[in-house]
Amino acid sequence: MQLPEIAAQTPTNLYETDFYAWTQEQAELIRTGQWEKIDRSNLIEEIESLGRQQRQELRNRLSLLIGHLLKEYD
């Protein structure tokens, strides 16, 4: 029985070729406690990136809100 092509890929290759599948695989590895198999470097990078994106989104929304409030009181 031949394994599916996706299962034969290394975590880094999967990260580069199918990001969604990589995220699902990493979630399952965490869920099942298979810590030694986690793609640590890319996972760290993605968590940091997500934090930066969320922070920037908050800044953008606050700026928009402040802009609307200032226009309202003009």
C-alpha atoms as a PDB file:
ATOM      1  CA  MET A   1       0.000   0.000   0.000  1.00  0.00           C
ATOM      2  CA  GLN A   2       1.447   3.319  -1.072  1.00  0.00           C
ATOM      3  CA  LEU A   3       1.241   6.317   1.280  1.00  0.00           C
ATOM      4  CA  PRO A   4      -0.371   9.500  -0.016  1.00  0.00           C
ATOM      5  CA  GLU A   5       2.125  11.996  -1.371  1.00  0.00           C
ATOM      6  CA  ILE A   6       1.299  14.520   1.353  1.00  0.00           C
ATOM      7  CA  ALA A   7       2.263  12.092   4.116  1.00  0.00           C
ATOM      8  CA  ALA A   8       5.691  11.589   2.558  1.00  0.00           C
ATOM      9  CA  GLN A   9       6.513  15.292   2.629  1.00  0.00           C
ATOM     10  CA  THR A  10       8.666  16.716   5.368  1.00  0.00           C
ATOM     11  CA  PRO A  11       7.070  19.396   7.573  1.00  0.00           C
ATOM     12  CA  THR A  12       9.097  22.154   5.911  1.00  0.00           C
ATOM     13  CA  ASN A  13       8.135  21.000   2.420  1.00  0.00           C
ATOM     14  CA  LEU A  14       4.483  20.805   3.438  1.00  0.00           C
ATOM     15  CA  TYR A  15       4.782  24.300   4.933  1.00  0.00           C
ATOM     16  CA  GLU A  16       6.075  25.561   1.596  1.00  0.00           C
ATOM     17  CA  THR A  17       3.654  23.664  -0.650  1.00  0.00           C
ATOM     18  CA  ASP A  18       0.352  23.440   1.275  1.00  0.00           C
ATOM     19  CA  PHE A  19       0.121  25.855   4.178  1.00  0.00           C
ATOM     20  CA  TYR A  20      -3.368  24.772   5.209  1.00  0.00           C
ATOM     21  CA  ALA A  21      -2.392  21.099   5.367  1.00  0.00           C
ATOM     22  CA  TRP A  22       0.696  22.105   7.358  1.00  0.00           C
ATOM     23  CA  THR A  23      -1.432  23.987   9.903  1.00  0.00           C
ATOM     24  CA  GLN A  24      -3.763  21.006  10.292  1.00  0.00           C
ATOM     25  CA  GLU A  25      -0.833  18.653  10.748  1.00  0.00           C
ATOM     26  CA  GLN A  26       0.791  20.901  13.354  1.00  0.00           C
ATOM     27  CA  ALA A  27      -2.497  21.210  15.266  1.00  0.00           C
ATOM     28  CA  GLU A  28      -2.884  17.433  15.307  1.00  0.00           C
ATOM     29  CA  LEU A  29       0.702  16.943  16.493  1.00  0.00           C
ATOM     30  CA  ILE A  30       0.093  19.387  19.343  1.00  0.00           C
ATOM     31  CA  ARG A  31      -3.294  17.839  20.151  1.00  0.00           C
ATOM     32  CA  THR A  32      -1.755  14.370  20.414  1.00  0.00           C
ATOM     33  CA  GLY A  33       1.368  15.508  22.259  1.00  0.00           C
ATOM     34  CA  GLN A  34       3.806  14.509  19.518  1.00  0.00           C
ATOM     35  CA  TRP A  35       6.125  17.372  20.423  1.00  0.00           C
ATOM     36  CA  GLU A  36       9.215  15.888  18.772  1.00  0.00           C
ATOM     37  CA  LYS A  37       7.517  15.980  15.342  1.00  0.00           C
ATOM     38  CA  ILE A  38       6.435  19.631  15.440  1.00  0.00           C
ATOM     39  CA  ASP A  39       7.965  21.987  12.877  1.00  0.00           C
ATOM     40  CA  ARG A  40       9.226  24.322  15.608  1.00  0.00           C
ATOM     41  CA  SER A  41      10.949  27.009  13.554  1.00  0.00           C
ATOM     42  CA  ASN A  42       8.033  27.594  11.181  1.00  0.00           C
ATOM     43  CA  LEU A  43       5.467  27.311  13.963  1.00  0.00           C
ATOM     44  CA  ILE A  44       7.310  29.947  16.015  1.00  0.00           C
ATOM     45  CA  GLU A  45       7.501  32.210  12.965  1.00  0.00           C
ATOM     46  CA  GLU A  46       3.770  31.856  12.287  1.00  0.00           C
ATOM     47  CA  ILE A  47       2.758  32.515  15.901  1.00  0.00           C
ATOM     48  CA  GLU A  48       4.920  35.655  15.998  1.00  0.00           C
ATOM     49  CA  SER A  49       3.500  36.773  12.655  1.00  0.00           C
ATOM     50  CA  LEU A  50      -0.062  36.230  13.867  1.00  0.00           C
ATOM     51  CA  GLY A  51       0.659  38.336  16.940  1.00  0.00           C
ATOM     52  CA  ARG A  52       2.045  41.160  14.797  1.00  0.00           C
ATOM     53  CA  GLN A  53      -0.959  41.006  12.460  1.00  0.00           C
ATOM     54  CA  GLN A  54      -3.419  41.149  15.347  1.00  0.00           C
ATOM     55  CA  ARG A  55      -1.595  44.078  16.910  1.00  0.00           C
ATOM     56  CA  GLN A  56      -1.579  45.978  13.597  1.00  0.00           C
ATOM     57  CA  GLU A  57      -5.274  45.249  13.065  1.00  0.00           C
ATOM     58  CA  LEU A  58      -6.047  46.641  16.525  1.00  0.00           C
ATOM     59  CA  ARG A  59      -4.010  49.778  15.768  1.00  0.00           C
ATOM     60  CA  ASN A  60      -5.842  50.256  12.468  1.00  0.00           C
ATOM     61  CA  ARG A  61      -9.263  49.875  14.078  1.00  0.00           C
ATOM     62  CA  LEU A  62      -8.388  52.220  16.942  1.00  0.00           C
ATOM     63  CA  SER A  63      -7.118  54.823  14.467  1.00  0.00           C
ATOM     64  CA  LEU A  64     -10.347  54.533  12.492  1.00  0.00           C
ATOM     65  CA  LEU A  65     -12.430  54.832  15.654  1.00  0.00           C
ATOM     66  CA  ILE A  66     -10.495  57.899  16.847  1.00  0.00           C
ATOM     67  CA  GLY A  67     -10.859  59.446  13.402  1.00  0.00           C
ATOM     68  CA  HIS A  68     -14.631  58.958  13.473  1.00  0.00           C
ATOM     69  CA  LEU A  69     -14.873  60.370  16.990  1.00  0.00           C
ATOM     70  CA  LEU A  70     -12.848  63.439  16.027  1.00  0.00           C
ATOM     71  CA  LYS A  71     -15.052  64.090  12.985  1.00  0.00           C
ATOM     72  CA  GLU A  72     -18.158  63.766  15.128  1.00  0.00           C
ATOM     73  CA  TYR A  73     -16.973  66.498  17.493  1.00  0.00           C
ATOM     74  CA  ASP A  74     -15.868  68.963  14.782  1.00  0.00           C
END
